Amino acid sequence: MSEHVDNILLEIDGFIATLTLNIPEKHNSLNGDSQAQLCAHLDTIAQHADVRVVIVTGAGDKTFCAGAALDQMGSGEISGDTFTDMTDKLAALPLPTICAFNGSAYGGGSEIGLACDFRIGFANMRLFVPPARIGLCYPVNGIERFVQTLGLPVAKRLLLASEDFRGEELLRVGYLTHLVEHDQVLSKARALAERMAGYAPLAVQAMKRISQDVAKGQLDKVTTNAIARGCNDSEDLKEGLAAHREKRPPRFQGR
């Protein structure tokens, strides 16, 4: 299935959904309409029973995303809060998500990456967050995401010092989870997505939720133990154990 709504592409191929920011002539910066379109696509994905993994990437080979459209920011048509509402929605998706950096990321584009579970980049990519350079305070939800994901020292380097990072350093500080050649970013993302799509979806989603609750300091043992029991009582576990005994690939149904 393929959809094209203005500046955002959604393609669903089997168990894998791919979202592409498709405004390369504007460095894939997102205005209000584009943000709304991306949120609508996330709703579509969440309601699509077959999707197990999501890839987020951009069109072109120079820029993944330059964040929110500055002309609309300046006019007051959008705000940083509307952008972080969008990244909150992406982060809340129960499915595993992969950000495939087709190019460099600036400002809010770096936060889209942080809202994903995996970030695949390349050595020559650049990433910086410019609000301090122009007198803007980054949205509070976004600051929280930087600190929770990267730790306070790295978050301060990005937000307060507005340092310009390259791929090797992004991998070293934990922003990137994978570093490959530029022309291998999408193939690496696809291979990772296909591998996770072959795993038991209940178990993958349960461990994502529990991991995120731990990171936020919001772990509720009663709730998370119930989630874990749901996996351990599932038909998928029976199938996984049977496949192991019979030395064949498992056929997980997500139940």
C-alpha atoms as a PDB file:
ATOM      1  CA  MET A   1       0.000   0.000   0.000  1.00  0.00           C
ATOM      2  CA  SER A   2       1.292   3.471  -0.820  1.00  0.00           C
ATOM      3  CA  GLU A   3      -0.072   6.894   0.064  1.00  0.00           C
ATOM      4  CA  HIS A   4       1.143  10.323  -0.955  1.00  0.00           C
ATOM      5  CA  VAL A   5      -0.427  13.217   0.921  1.00  0.00           C
ATOM      6  CA  ASP A   6       1.378  16.421  -0.053  1.00  0.00           C
ATOM      7  CA  ASN A   7       4.772  16.395   1.642  1.00  0.00           C
ATOM      8  CA  ILE A   8       4.729  13.114   3.559  1.00  0.00           C
ATOM      9  CA  LEU A   9       4.900   9.642   2.035  1.00  0.00           C
ATOM     10  CA  LEU A  10       3.603   6.508   3.724  1.00  0.00           C
ATOM     11  CA  GLU A  11       4.372   3.095   2.283  1.00  0.00           C
ATOM     12  CA  ILE A  12       3.293  -0.143   3.942  1.00  0.00           C
ATOM     13  CA  ASP A  13       5.025  -3.234   2.644  1.00  0.00           C
ATOM     14  CA  GLY A  14       4.069  -6.348   4.559  1.00  0.00           C
ATOM     15  CA  PHE A  15       5.045  -5.892   8.204  1.00  0.00           C
ATOM     16  CA  ILE A  16       7.085  -2.719   7.578  1.00  0.00           C
ATOM     17  CA  ALA A  17       5.828   0.864   7.246  1.00  0.00           C
ATOM     18  CA  THR A  18       8.102   3.581   5.860  1.00  0.00           C
ATOM     19  CA  LEU A  19       7.481   7.281   6.425  1.00  0.00           C
ATOM     20  CA  THR A  20       9.406   9.640   4.147  1.00  0.00           C
ATOM     21  CA  LEU A  21       9.701  13.400   4.639  1.00  0.00           C
ATOM     22  CA  ASN A  22       9.378  14.502   1.037  1.00  0.00           C
ATOM     23  CA  ILE A  23      10.272  18.202   0.869  1.00  0.00           C
ATOM     24  CA  PRO A  24      13.957  18.050  -0.153  1.00  0.00           C
ATOM     25  CA  GLU A  25      13.861  21.517  -1.751  1.00  0.00           C
ATOM     26  CA  LYS A  26      13.178  22.896   1.760  1.00  0.00           C
ATOM     27  CA  HIS A  27      15.561  20.530   3.548  1.00  0.00           C
ATOM     28  CA  ASN A  28      12.542  18.489   4.659  1.00  0.00           C
ATOM     29  CA  SER A  29      11.528  21.162   7.179  1.00  0.00           C
ATOM     30  CA  LEU A  30       7.996  20.621   8.423  1.00  0.00           C
ATOM     31  CA  ASN A  31       5.305  23.285   8.374  1.00  0.00           C
ATOM     32  CA  GLY A  32       1.978  22.927  10.176  1.00  0.00           C
ATOM     33  CA  ASP A  33       0.328  20.966   7.382  1.00  0.00           C
ATOM     34  CA  SER A  34       3.259  18.557   7.122  1.00  0.00           C
ATOM     35  CA  GLN A  35       3.265  17.990  10.872  1.00  0.00           C
ATOM     36  CA  ALA A  36      -0.458  17.229  10.761  1.00  0.00           C
ATOM     37  CA  GLN A  37       0.063  14.848   7.837  1.00  0.00           C
ATOM     38  CA  LEU A  38       2.805  12.999   9.685  1.00  0.00           C
ATOM     39  CA  CYS A  39       0.561  12.649  12.755  1.00  0.00           C
ATOM     40  CA  ALA A  40      -2.270  11.343  10.563  1.00  0.00           C
ATOM     41  CA  HIS A  41       0.058   8.739   9.062  1.00  0.00           C
ATOM     42  CA  LEU A  42       1.099   7.651  12.568  1.00  0.00           C
ATOM     43  CA  ASP A  43      -2.594   7.121  13.357  1.00  0.00           C
ATOM     44  CA  THR A  44      -2.941   5.018  10.196  1.00  0.00           C
ATOM     45  CA  ILE A  45       0.053   2.909  11.189  1.00  0.00           C
ATOM     46  CA  ALA A  46      -1.239   2.420  14.732  1.00  0.00           C
ATOM     47  CA  GLN A  47      -4.538   1.117  13.352  1.00  0.00           C
ATOM     48  CA  HIS A  48      -2.919  -1.192  10.792  1.00  0.00           C
ATOM     49  CA  ALA A  49      -2.875  -4.666  12.332  1.00  0.00           C
ATOM     50  CA  ASP A  50      -0.107  -6.040  10.112  1.00  0.00           C
ATOM     51  CA  VAL A  51       2.562  -3.375  10.733  1.00  0.00           C
ATOM     52  CA  ARG A  52       5.289  -4.449  13.151  1.00  0.00           C
ATOM     53  CA  VAL A  53       8.160  -2.002  12.457  1.00  0.00           C
ATOM     54  CA  VAL A  54       8.341   1.614  11.252  1.00  0.00           C
ATOM     55  CA  ILE A  55      11.176   3.300   9.326  1.00  0.00           C
ATOM     56  CA  VAL A  56      11.381   7.112   9.234  1.00  0.00           C
ATOM     57  CA  THR A  57      13.595   8.707   6.579  1.00  0.00           C
ATOM     58  CA  GLY A  58      13.807  11.700   4.250  1.00  0.00           C
ATOM     59  CA  ALA A  59      13.923  12.353   0.517  1.00  0.00           C
ATOM     60  CA  GLY A  60      17.153  13.562  -1.054  1.00  0.00           C
ATOM     61  CA  ASP A  61      20.715  12.896   0.022  1.00  0.00           C
ATOM     62  CA  LYS A  62      21.628  16.121   1.852  1.00  0.00           C
ATOM     63  CA  THR A  63      19.162  16.721   4.672  1.00  0.00           C
ATOM     64  CA  PHE A  64      17.036  14.366   6.719  1.00  0.00           C
ATOM     65  CA  CYS A  65      15.088  17.189   8.365  1.00  0.00           C
ATOM     66  CA  ALA A  66      15.803  20.816   9.267  1.00  0.00           C
ATOM     67  CA  GLY A  67      13.107  20.828  11.953  1.00  0.00           C
ATOM     68  CA  ALA A  68      10.085  23.109  11.993  1.00  0.00           C
ATOM     69  CA  ALA A  69       9.557  25.592   9.145  1.00  0.00           C
ATOM     70  CA  LEU A  70      11.117  28.808  10.433  1.00  0.00           C
ATOM     71  CA  ASP A  71       8.873  31.087   8.378  1.00  0.00           C
ATOM     72  CA  GLN A  72       5.799  29.730  10.149  1.00  0.00           C
ATOM     73  CA  MET A  73       7.609  29.764  13.487  1.00  0.00           C
ATOM     74  CA  GLY A  74       8.385  33.438  12.983  1.00  0.00           C
ATOM     75  CA  SER A  75       4.814  34.293  12.004  1.00  0.00           C
ATOM     76  CA  GLY A  76       3.337  32.390  14.936  1.00  0.00           C
ATOM     77  CA  GLU A  77       1.451  29.914  12.728  1.00  0.00           C
ATOM     78  CA  ILE A  78       3.223  27.036  14.469  1.00  0.00           C
ATOM     79  CA  SER A  79       5.275  26.702  17.636  1.00  0.00           C
ATOM     80  CA  GLY A  80       7.903  24.401  18.993  1.00  0.00           C
ATOM     81  CA  ASP A  81       5.197  22.838  21.139  1.00  0.00           C
ATOM     82  CA  THR A  82       3.256  21.655  18.081  1.00  0.00           C
ATOM     83  CA  PHE A  83       6.448  20.050  16.791  1.00  0.00           C
ATOM     84  CA  THR A  84       7.073  18.229  20.076  1.00  0.00           C
ATOM     85  CA  ASP A  85       3.429  17.103  20.112  1.00  0.00           C
ATOM     86  CA  MET A  86       4.285  15.344  16.852  1.00  0.00           C
ATOM     87  CA  THR A  87       7.512  13.800  18.199  1.00  0.00           C
ATOM     88  CA  ASP A  88       5.665  12.733  21.366  1.00  0.00           C
ATOM     89  CA  LYS A  89       3.198  10.871  19.139  1.00  0.00           C
ATOM     90  CA  LEU A  90       6.057   9.179  17.292  1.00  0.00           C
ATOM     91  CA  ALA A  91       7.780   8.209  20.539  1.00  0.00           C
ATOM     92  CA  ALA A  92       4.525   6.804  21.946  1.00  0.00           C
ATOM     93  CA  LEU A  93       4.057   4.425  19.022  1.00  0.00           C
ATOM     94  CA  PRO A  94       4.174   0.923  20.545  1.00  0.00           C
ATOM     95  CA  LEU A  95       5.969  -0.493  17.495  1.00  0.00           C
ATOM     96  CA  PRO A  96       9.774  -0.392  17.180  1.00  0.00           C
ATOM     97  CA  THR A  97      10.894   2.598  15.113  1.00  0.00           C
ATOM     98  CA  ILE A  98      14.055   3.204  13.077  1.00  0.00           C
ATOM     99  CA  CYS A  99      15.303   6.606  11.929  1.00  0.00           C
ATOM    100  CA  ALA A 100      17.333   6.217   8.731  1.00  0.00           C
ATOM    101  CA  PHE A 101      19.319   9.428   8.228  1.00  0.00           C
ATOM    102  CA  ASN A 102      19.488  10.005   4.491  1.00  0.00           C
ATOM    103  CA  GLY A 103      21.262  13.298   5.280  1.00  0.00           C
ATOM    104  CA  SER A 104      22.070  15.744   8.052  1.00  0.00           C
ATOM    105  CA  ALA A 105      19.666  16.809  10.806  1.00  0.00           C
ATOM    106  CA  TYR A 106      19.158  20.212  12.351  1.00  0.00           C
ATOM    107  CA  GLY A 107      17.043  21.450  15.252  1.00  0.00           C
ATOM    108  CA  GLY A 108      13.804  19.510  15.509  1.00  0.00           C
ATOM    109  CA  GLY A 109      15.088  17.045  12.924  1.00  0.00           C
ATOM    110  CA  SER A 110      17.439  15.740  15.597  1.00  0.00           C
ATOM    111  CA  GLU A 111      14.469  15.284  17.932  1.00  0.00           C
ATOM    112  CA  ILE A 112      12.598  13.178  15.365  1.00  0.00           C
ATOM    113  CA  GLY A 113      15.589  10.855  15.511  1.00  0.00           C
ATOM    114  CA  LEU A 114      15.503  10.806  19.314  1.00  0.00           C
ATOM    115  CA  ALA A 115      11.816   9.856  19.216  1.00  0.00           C
ATOM    116  CA  CYS A 116      12.799   6.654  17.385  1.00  0.00           C
ATOM    117  CA  ASP A 117      14.220   3.522  18.998  1.00  0.00           C
ATOM    118  CA  PHE A 118      17.134   3.155  16.560  1.00  0.00           C
ATOM    119  CA  ARG A 119      19.094   5.786  14.639  1.00  0.00           C
ATOM    120  CA  ILE A 120      21.209   4.822  11.640  1.00  0.00           C
ATOM    121  CA  GLY A 121      23.592   7.432  10.262  1.00  0.00           C
ATOM    122  CA  PHE A 122      26.847   7.909   8.348  1.00  0.00           C
ATOM    123  CA  ALA A 123      30.231   9.472   9.017  1.00  0.00           C
ATOM    124  CA  ASN A 124      29.801  12.733   7.092  1.00  0.00           C
ATOM    125  CA  MET A 125      26.377  13.650   8.407  1.00  0.00           C
ATOM    126  CA  ARG A 126      26.042  16.797  10.522  1.00  0.00           C
ATOM    127  CA  LEU A 127      23.742  17.434  13.431  1.00  0.00           C
ATOM    128  CA  PHE A 128      23.229  20.522  15.530  1.00  0.00           C
ATOM    129  CA  VAL A 129      20.427  22.218  17.458  1.00  0.00           C
ATOM    130  CA  PRO A 130      20.372  26.003  16.805  1.00  0.00           C
ATOM    131  CA  PRO A 131      17.792  27.627  19.176  1.00  0.00           C
ATOM    132  CA  ALA A 132      20.460  29.202  21.422  1.00  0.00           C
ATOM    133  CA  ARG A 133      21.964  30.846  18.329  1.00  0.00           C
ATOM    134  CA  ILE A 134      18.727  32.694  17.564  1.00  0.00           C
ATOM    135  CA  GLY A 135      17.375  33.380  21.055  1.00  0.00           C
ATOM    136  CA  LEU A 136      14.818  30.583  21.284  1.00  0.00           C
ATOM    137  CA  CYS A 137      14.315  28.190  24.206  1.00  0.00           C
ATOM    138  CA  TYR A 138      13.800  24.668  22.925  1.00  0.00           C
ATOM    139  CA  PRO A 139      10.374  23.228  23.956  1.00  0.00           C
ATOM    140  CA  VAL A 140      10.337  21.639  27.387  1.00  0.00           C
ATOM    141  CA  ASN A 141       9.157  18.212  26.184  1.00  0.00           C
ATOM    142  CA  GLY A 142      11.986  18.197  23.685  1.00  0.00           C
ATOM    143  CA  ILE A 143      14.593  19.125  26.306  1.00  0.00           C
ATOM    144  CA  GLU A 144      13.283  16.281  28.445  1.00  0.00           C
ATOM    145  CA  ARG A 145      13.717  13.876  25.514  1.00  0.00           C
ATOM    146  CA  PHE A 146      17.332  15.007  24.923  1.00  0.00           C
ATOM    147  CA  VAL A 147      18.235  14.563  28.588  1.00  0.00           C
ATOM    148  CA  GLN A 148      16.463  11.210  29.010  1.00  0.00           C
ATOM    149  CA  THR A 149      17.951   9.703  25.868  1.00  0.00           C
ATOM    150  CA  LEU A 150      21.463  11.161  25.841  1.00  0.00           C
ATOM    151  CA  GLY A 151      22.141  12.180  29.444  1.00  0.00           C
ATOM    152  CA  LEU A 152      22.628  15.664  30.833  1.00  0.00           C
ATOM    153  CA  PRO A 153      26.206  16.408  29.626  1.00  0.00           C
ATOM    154  CA  VAL A 154      25.501  15.533  25.972  1.00  0.00           C
ATOM    155  CA  ALA A 155      22.133  17.300  26.062  1.00  0.00           C
ATOM    156  CA  LYS A 156      23.885  20.460  27.273  1.00  0.00           C
ATOM    157  CA  ARG A 157      26.458  20.196  24.491  1.00  0.00           C
ATOM    158  CA  LEU A 158      23.656  20.064  21.942  1.00  0.00           C
ATOM    159  CA  LEU A 159      21.272  22.602  23.471  1.00  0.00           C
ATOM    160  CA  LEU A 160      23.380  25.131  25.406  1.00  0.00           C
ATOM    161  CA  ALA A 161      26.627  25.005  23.425  1.00  0.00           C
ATOM    162  CA  SER A 162      24.872  24.212  20.123  1.00  0.00           C
ATOM    163  CA  GLU A 163      27.829  22.068  19.093  1.00  0.00           C
ATOM    164  CA  ASP A 164      28.102  20.756  15.557  1.00  0.00           C
ATOM    165  CA  PHE A 165      28.396  16.954  15.689  1.00  0.00           C
ATOM    166  CA  ARG A 166      29.476  14.530  12.959  1.00  0.00           C
ATOM    167  CA  GLY A 167      28.677  10.848  12.561  1.00  0.00           C
ATOM    168  CA  GLU A 168      31.551   9.286  14.504  1.00  0.00           C
ATOM    169  CA  GLU A 169      30.952  11.555  17.509  1.00  0.00           C
ATOM    170  CA  LEU A 170      27.199  10.975  17.324  1.00  0.00           C
ATOM    171  CA  LEU A 171      27.868   7.249  17.594  1.00  0.00           C
ATOM    172  CA  ARG A 172      30.313   7.756  20.466  1.00  0.00           C
ATOM    173  CA  VAL A 173      27.917   9.852  22.573  1.00  0.00           C
ATOM    174  CA  GLY A 174      25.042   7.438  21.988  1.00  0.00           C
ATOM    175  CA  TYR A 175      22.926   9.484  19.610  1.00  0.00           C
ATOM    176  CA  LEU A 176      23.415   7.068  16.706  1.00  0.00           C
ATOM    177  CA  THR A 177      22.887   3.387  17.346  1.00  0.00           C
ATOM    178  CA  HIS A 178      24.449   2.333  14.027  1.00  0.00           C
ATOM    179  CA  LEU A 179      27.027   3.957  11.726  1.00  0.00           C
ATOM    180  CA  VAL A 180      27.308   2.769   8.111  1.00  0.00           C
ATOM    181  CA  GLU A 181      28.328   4.108   4.715  1.00  0.00           C
ATOM    182  CA  HIS A 182      25.974   6.789   3.384  1.00  0.00           C
ATOM    183  CA  ASP A 183      24.664   4.578   0.590  1.00  0.00           C
ATOM    184  CA  GLN A 184      23.987   1.739   3.042  1.00  0.00           C
ATOM    185  CA  VAL A 185      21.728   3.619   5.486  1.00  0.00           C
ATOM    186  CA  LEU A 186      18.422   2.517   3.991  1.00  0.00           C
ATOM    187  CA  SER A 187      19.534  -1.068   3.363  1.00  0.00           C
ATOM    188  CA  LYS A 188      20.741  -1.311   6.970  1.00  0.00           C
ATOM    189  CA  ALA A 189      17.424   0.094   8.199  1.00  0.00           C
ATOM    190  CA  ARG A 190      15.498  -2.342   6.056  1.00  0.00           C
ATOM    191  CA  ALA A 191      17.568  -5.315   7.240  1.00  0.00           C
ATOM    192  CA  LEU A 192      17.058  -4.329  10.883  1.00  0.00           C
ATOM    193  CA  ALA A 193      13.324  -3.828  10.289  1.00  0.00           C
ATOM    194  CA  GLU A 194      12.953  -7.206   8.584  1.00  0.00           C
ATOM    195  CA  ARG A 195      14.770  -8.935  11.424  1.00  0.00           C
ATOM    196  CA  MET A 196      12.546  -7.372  14.097  1.00  0.00           C
ATOM    197  CA  ALA A 197       9.426  -7.959  11.995  1.00  0.00           C
ATOM    198  CA  GLY A 198      10.236 -11.666  12.169  1.00  0.00           C
ATOM    199  CA  TYR A 199      10.245 -11.663  15.965  1.00  0.00           C
ATOM    200  CA  ALA A 200       7.200 -12.098  18.209  1.00  0.00           C
ATOM    201  CA  PRO A 201       5.448  -8.701  18.092  1.00  0.00           C
ATOM    202  CA  LEU A 202       3.899  -8.990  21.556  1.00  0.00           C
ATOM    203  CA  ALA A 203       7.316  -9.569  23.117  1.00  0.00           C
ATOM    204  CA  VAL A 204       8.992  -6.782  21.127  1.00  0.00           C
ATOM    205  CA  GLN A 205       6.302  -4.247  22.006  1.00  0.00           C
ATOM    206  CA  ALA A 206       6.214  -5.312  25.651  1.00  0.00           C
ATOM    207  CA  MET A 207       9.958  -4.875  26.058  1.00  0.00           C
ATOM    208  CA  LYS A 208       9.853  -1.493  24.312  1.00  0.00           C
ATOM    209  CA  ARG A 209       7.187  -0.231  26.692  1.00  0.00           C
ATOM    210  CA  ILE A 210       8.896  -1.587  29.805  1.00  0.00           C
ATOM    211  CA  SER A 211      12.290  -0.200  28.728  1.00  0.00           C
ATOM    212  CA  GLN A 212      10.811   3.255  28.154  1.00  0.00           C
ATOM    213  CA  ASP A 213       9.030   3.210  31.518  1.00  0.00           C
ATOM    214  CA  VAL A 214      12.319   2.312  33.216  1.00  0.00           C
ATOM    215  CA  ALA A 215      14.141   5.146  31.417  1.00  0.00           C
ATOM    216  CA  LYS A 216      11.484   7.653  32.502  1.00  0.00           C
ATOM    217  CA  GLY A 217      11.429   6.395  36.090  1.00  0.00           C
ATOM    218  CA  GLN A 218       7.769   5.457  35.631  1.00  0.00           C
ATOM    219  CA  LEU A 219       7.966   1.693  36.068  1.00  0.00           C
ATOM    220  CA  ASP A 220       4.767   0.251  37.566  1.00  0.00           C
ATOM    221  CA  LYS A 221       5.651  -3.313  38.546  1.00  0.00           C
ATOM    222  CA  VAL A 222       2.023  -4.468  38.639  1.00  0.00           C
ATOM    223  CA  THR A 223       1.301  -3.212  35.134  1.00  0.00           C
ATOM    224  CA  THR A 224       4.572  -4.338  33.599  1.00  0.00           C
ATOM    225  CA  ASN A 225       4.405  -7.789  35.195  1.00  0.00           C
ATOM    226  CA  ALA A 226       0.940  -8.175  33.672  1.00  0.00           C
ATOM    227  CA  ILE A 227       2.328  -7.172  30.265  1.00  0.00           C
ATOM    228  CA  ALA A 228       5.142  -9.709  30.611  1.00  0.00           C
ATOM    229  CA  ARG A 229       2.698 -12.448  31.647  1.00  0.00           C
ATOM    230  CA  GLY A 230       0.619 -11.673  28.568  1.00  0.00           C
ATOM    231  CA  CYS A 231       3.625 -12.511  26.392  1.00  0.00           C
ATOM    232  CA  ASN A 232       4.514 -15.596  28.389  1.00  0.00           C
ATOM    233  CA  ASP A 233       0.952 -16.938  28.112  1.00  0.00           C
ATOM    234  CA  SER A 234       0.665 -16.151  24.403  1.00  0.00           C
ATOM    235  CA  GLU A 235       0.202 -18.387  21.400  1.00  0.00           C
ATOM    236  CA  ASP A 236       3.335 -16.756  20.002  1.00  0.00           C
ATOM    237  CA  LEU A 237       5.464 -18.228  22.779  1.00  0.00           C
ATOM    238  CA  LYS A 238       4.051 -21.689  22.090  1.00  0.00           C
ATOM    239  CA  GLU A 239       4.826 -21.189  18.404  1.00  0.00           C
ATOM    240  CA  GLY A 240       8.334 -19.945  19.153  1.00  0.00           C
ATOM    241  CA  LEU A 241       9.126 -22.961  21.336  1.00  0.00           C
ATOM    242  CA  ALA A 242       7.626 -25.357  18.764  1.00  0.00           C
ATOM    243  CA  ALA A 243       9.649 -23.763  15.969  1.00  0.00           C
ATOM    244  CA  HIS A 244      12.816 -24.109  18.052  1.00  0.00           C
ATOM    245  CA  ARG A 245      12.121 -27.801  18.656  1.00  0.00           C
ATOM    246  CA  GLU A 246      11.284 -28.428  15.026  1.00  0.00           C
ATOM    247  CA  LYS A 247      14.225 -26.381  13.744  1.00  0.00           C
ATOM    248  CA  ARG A 248      12.092 -24.129  11.514  1.00  0.00           C
ATOM    249  CA  PRO A 249      11.368 -20.393  11.315  1.00  0.00           C
ATOM    250  CA  PRO A 250       8.539 -19.371  13.661  1.00  0.00           C
ATOM    251  CA  ARG A 251       5.280 -17.976  12.297  1.00  0.00           C
ATOM    252  CA  PHE A 252       4.218 -15.386  14.855  1.00  0.00           C
ATOM    253  CA  GLN A 253       0.673 -14.030  14.748  1.00  0.00           C
ATOM    254  CA  GLY A 254       0.842 -11.401  17.500  1.00  0.00           C
ATOM    255  CA  ARG A 255      -1.533 -13.231  19.850  1.00  0.00           C
END
